[in-house]
């Protein structure tokens, strides 16, 4: 029938339009910003940096390896690696980003930086209300603006954050066990008795005398010695 598809579309439109007056489930209009729909856990907008502990600067997981900067398709990440090291949230000496900027006016939210990061240091945020009248400086976020706590990460991505924490805890436990085993092996080696070392200056015993002293005496040799003695 000619126009059947158009009629089906109009029927669906009318059903939803009229049904919205009697069914709350069909009332799809949200009065934003007074009303807000909860964002799905998998939603993403722009990246942020995760830090552990209370201090964002010392707790940053990022060690400035610059993999994300190299892999970023639009080249919107800018990192300067530190010249020195400082302790991270667990006390391990690490390099850190002296500068870490992301130009969100260029970022395409592809999440490649998250996928290539080996330290679980960069994740995708839910924040989308980032409009500003400064099209340059206002959209270039530095490391302080990008830094957000692990608790915030758990809030927006609870499933993913829990899995990441479990994996990091296992890696830290394995590293601690390896360190303890190495220390125990070094202590056992130091406590082991050392072999006797010849005194300096002592004349070495000729090998022939050592062999003669060690060789068993024969009857013929003993008889000859007795004859010589008589």
Protein backbone atom coordinates (compact mmCIF):
# COMPACT_ATOMS: atom_id res chain seq x y z
CA UNK A 1 0.00 0.00 0.00
CA UNK A 2 1.37 3.37 -0.99
CA UNK A 3 2.26 5.55 2.02
CA UNK A 4 1.95 2.69 4.56
CA UNK A 5 5.31 3.52 6.11
CA UNK A 6 4.32 7.18 6.58
CA UNK A 7 1.08 6.17 8.27
CA UNK A 8 2.92 3.85 10.66
CA UNK A 9 5.30 6.64 11.59
CA UNK A 10 2.44 9.08 12.19
CA UNK A 11 0.66 6.48 14.31
CA UNK A 12 3.72 6.04 16.53
CA UNK A 13 4.14 9.81 16.86
CA UNK A 14 0.48 10.26 17.81
CA UNK A 15 0.65 7.38 20.29
CA UNK A 16 3.58 8.95 22.12
CA UNK A 17 2.20 12.50 21.94
CA UNK A 18 -1.23 11.60 23.31
CA UNK A 19 0.14 8.98 25.70
CA UNK A 20 2.36 11.56 27.39
CA UNK A 21 -0.78 13.19 28.86
CA UNK A 22 -1.79 10.02 30.69
CA UNK A 23 1.47 8.12 31.25
CA UNK A 24 4.50 9.51 33.11
CA UNK A 25 6.74 7.00 31.33
CA UNK A 26 5.95 8.67 28.01
CA UNK A 27 6.66 12.15 29.31
CA UNK A 28 10.21 12.27 27.94
CA UNK A 29 10.81 16.02 28.13
CA UNK A 30 13.22 16.98 30.93
CA UNK A 31 13.20 20.57 32.16
CA UNK A 32 16.96 21.06 32.11
CA UNK A 33 18.81 22.42 34.09
CA UNK A 34 16.25 22.24 36.89
CA UNK A 35 15.77 18.55 36.15
CA UNK A 36 18.61 16.21 35.22
CA UNK A 37 18.69 12.63 34.07
CA UNK A 38 21.33 10.36 35.68
CA UNK A 39 24.22 9.72 33.34
CA UNK A 40 25.08 6.11 32.41
CA UNK A 41 28.25 4.78 34.00
CA UNK A 42 29.86 4.24 30.59
CA UNK A 43 29.25 7.82 29.42
CA UNK A 44 32.37 9.89 28.75
CA UNK A 45 33.26 13.45 27.91
CA UNK A 46 36.81 14.69 28.59
CA UNK A 47 39.77 13.09 30.41
CA UNK A 48 40.85 13.75 33.99
CA UNK A 49 43.83 12.67 36.10
CA UNK A 50 43.32 10.30 39.03
CA UNK A 51 45.17 10.85 42.30
CA UNK A 52 45.32 8.75 45.49
CA UNK A 53 45.31 10.11 49.02
CA UNK A 54 44.47 13.61 50.20
CA UNK A 55 47.08 15.64 48.28
CA UNK A 56 46.46 15.87 44.55
CA UNK A 57 50.02 16.89 43.71
CA UNK A 58 51.83 14.07 45.51
CA UNK A 59 49.10 11.51 44.85
CA UNK A 60 48.95 11.73 41.05
CA UNK A 61 49.29 8.30 39.48
CA UNK A 62 50.79 9.84 36.36
CA UNK A 63 54.57 9.32 36.02
CA UNK A 64 54.90 11.45 32.87
CA UNK A 65 55.67 8.51 30.58
CA UNK A 66 54.11 10.59 27.75
CA UNK A 67 52.49 7.60 26.04
CA UNK A 68 49.10 9.34 25.96
CA UNK A 69 50.68 12.48 24.49
CA UNK A 70 52.23 10.46 21.67
CA UNK A 71 49.10 8.39 20.95
CA UNK A 72 46.57 11.26 21.07
CA UNK A 73 45.09 11.61 17.54
CA UNK A 74 44.34 15.38 17.68
CA UNK A 75 47.53 16.09 19.70
CA UNK A 76 45.73 18.00 22.46
CA UNK A 77 47.83 16.68 25.39
CA UNK A 78 50.98 18.54 26.44
CA UNK A 79 53.34 17.00 29.04
CA UNK A 80 56.67 18.13 30.50
CA UNK A 81 58.47 15.42 32.49
CA UNK A 82 60.09 16.34 35.79
CA UNK A 83 63.87 16.29 36.19
CA UNK A 84 63.70 14.79 39.68
CA UNK A 85 61.70 12.12 41.47
CA UNK A 86 59.43 12.35 44.48
CA UNK A 87 57.48 9.78 46.55
CA UNK A 88 54.02 8.90 45.32
CA UNK A 89 50.99 7.97 47.45
CA UNK A 90 52.59 4.64 48.49
CA UNK A 91 56.05 6.09 49.09
CA UNK A 92 57.73 4.93 45.87
CA UNK A 93 60.06 7.38 44.15
CA UNK A 94 58.57 8.34 40.78
CA UNK A 95 58.91 10.92 38.05
CA UNK A 96 55.93 13.25 37.82
CA UNK A 97 54.46 15.65 35.26
CA UNK A 98 55.86 19.12 35.82
CA UNK A 99 53.27 20.18 33.24
CA UNK A 100 50.18 18.33 32.06
CA UNK A 101 47.71 20.30 29.93
CA UNK A 102 44.75 19.16 27.83
CA UNK A 103 43.10 21.45 25.30
CA UNK A 104 39.47 20.35 25.50
CA UNK A 105 38.57 22.59 22.54
CA UNK A 106 40.57 20.10 20.43
CA UNK A 107 39.90 16.86 22.36
CA UNK A 108 37.60 14.46 20.50
CA UNK A 109 36.78 12.26 23.55
CA UNK A 110 38.10 9.16 21.79
CA UNK A 111 39.42 7.63 25.06
CA UNK A 112 42.64 6.40 23.43
CA UNK A 113 44.65 8.09 26.19
CA UNK A 114 42.78 5.95 28.73
CA UNK A 115 43.33 2.74 26.78
CA UNK A 116 47.11 3.18 26.41
CA UNK A 117 47.88 4.38 29.96
CA UNK A 118 49.75 1.59 31.83
CA UNK A 119 49.31 3.23 35.25
CA UNK A 120 45.51 3.77 35.35
CA UNK A 121 46.29 7.47 35.72
CA UNK A 122 43.88 9.03 33.22
CA UNK A 123 40.16 8.36 32.92
CA UNK A 124 37.10 9.84 31.20
CA UNK A 125 34.92 12.29 33.09
CA UNK A 126 31.15 12.82 33.08
CA UNK A 127 31.42 16.60 33.35
CA UNK A 128 30.01 18.36 30.29
CA UNK A 129 29.04 21.84 31.49
CA UNK A 130 32.33 23.44 30.51
CA UNK A 131 31.17 26.37 28.37
CA UNK A 132 33.16 29.57 28.76
CA UNK A 133 33.57 32.95 27.10
CA UNK A 134 37.34 32.40 26.91
CA UNK A 135 37.84 30.20 23.87
CA UNK A 136 41.58 29.80 24.44
CA UNK A 137 42.78 29.89 28.04
CA UNK A 138 39.43 28.80 29.46
CA UNK A 139 39.49 25.54 27.50
CA UNK A 140 43.13 24.68 28.23
CA UNK A 141 43.04 22.71 31.49
CA UNK A 142 46.22 22.28 33.55
CA UNK A 143 47.10 19.41 35.86
CA UNK A 144 45.48 21.02 38.91
CA UNK A 145 42.18 21.45 37.07
CA UNK A 146 42.43 17.92 35.66
CA UNK A 147 43.27 16.22 38.98
CA UNK A 148 40.38 14.41 40.68
CA UNK A 149 40.42 11.94 43.55
CA UNK A 150 40.04 8.18 43.36
CA UNK A 151 36.84 8.62 45.39
CA UNK A 152 35.42 10.75 42.56
CA UNK A 153 36.45 8.05 40.09
CA UNK A 154 34.53 5.48 42.17
CA UNK A 155 31.51 7.78 42.19
CA UNK A 156 31.18 8.09 38.41
CA UNK A 157 32.61 4.70 37.33
CA UNK A 158 32.10 2.38 40.33
CA UNK A 159 32.44 -0.94 38.49
CA UNK A 160 35.53 0.04 36.55
CA UNK A 161 37.18 1.78 39.54
CA UNK A 162 36.70 -1.27 41.78
CA UNK A 163 38.30 -3.55 39.20
CA UNK A 164 41.23 -1.14 38.80
CA UNK A 165 41.78 -0.92 42.58
CA UNK A 166 41.76 -4.72 42.89
CA UNK A 167 44.34 -5.09 40.14
CA UNK A 168 46.59 -2.38 41.56
CA UNK A 169 46.36 -3.94 45.04
CA UNK A 170 47.46 -7.33 43.64
CA UNK A 171 50.37 -5.72 41.80
CA UNK A 172 51.49 -3.89 44.95
CA UNK A 173 51.24 -7.07 47.03
CA UNK A 174 53.31 -8.98 44.48
CA UNK A 175 55.93 -6.20 44.43
CA UNK A 176 56.13 -6.19 48.25
CA UNK A 177 56.46 -9.99 48.35
CA UNK A 178 59.28 -9.82 45.78
CA UNK A 179 61.07 -7.13 47.80
CA UNK A 180 60.79 -9.16 51.00
CA UNK A 181 62.05 -12.31 49.27
CA UNK A 182 65.04 -10.42 47.87
CA UNK A 183 65.85 -8.96 51.29
CA UNK A 184 65.57 -12.40 52.94
CA UNK A 185 67.88 -13.95 50.36
CA UNK A 186 70.45 -11.18 50.90
CA UNK A 187 70.26 -11.63 54.69
CA UNK A 188 70.70 -15.41 54.38
CA UNK A 189 73.70 -14.94 52.11
CA UNK A 190 75.28 -12.51 54.57
CA UNK A 191 74.73 -14.89 57.51
CA UNK A 192 76.17 -17.96 55.75
CA UNK A 193 79.66 -19.13 57.05
CA UNK A 194 82.49 -18.05 54.82
CA UNK A 195 85.09 -20.64 53.57
CA UNK A 196 88.61 -20.64 55.13
CA UNK A 197 91.05 -18.42 53.33
CA UNK A 198 94.83 -19.23 53.42
CA UNK A 199 96.89 -16.84 55.54
CA UNK A 200 98.76 -14.29 53.49
CA UNK A 201 102.50 -15.05 53.25
CA UNK A 202 102.24 -18.75 54.10
CA UNK A 203 104.25 -20.98 51.73
CA UNK A 204 102.06 -23.29 49.71
CA UNK A 205 102.55 -27.03 50.25
CA UNK A 206 103.95 -28.77 47.12
CA UNK A 207 101.42 -30.98 45.41
CA UNK A 208 103.86 -33.93 45.36
CA UNK A 209 104.18 -33.93 49.17
CA UNK A 210 100.43 -33.71 49.57
CA UNK A 211 99.98 -36.71 47.25
CA UNK A 212 102.68 -38.73 49.03
CA UNK A 213 101.18 -38.08 52.43
CA UNK A 214 97.76 -39.05 51.21
CA UNK A 215 98.90 -42.27 49.40
CA UNK A 216 98.65 -45.58 51.39
CA UNK A 217 101.97 -47.32 52.30
CA UNK A 218 102.76 -50.61 50.46
CA UNK A 219 104.45 -53.75 52.11
CA UNK A 220 107.46 -53.66 49.77
CA UNK A 221 108.12 -50.04 50.54
CA UNK A 222 107.87 -50.74 54.29
CA UNK A 223 110.41 -53.64 54.04
CA UNK A 224 112.86 -51.46 52.14
CA UNK A 225 112.55 -48.78 54.78
CA UNK A 226 113.25 -51.36 57.57
CA UNK A 227 116.33 -52.66 55.69
CA UNK A 228 117.67 -49.17 55.25
CA UNK A 229 117.12 -48.49 58.91
CA UNK A 230 119.12 -51.62 59.96
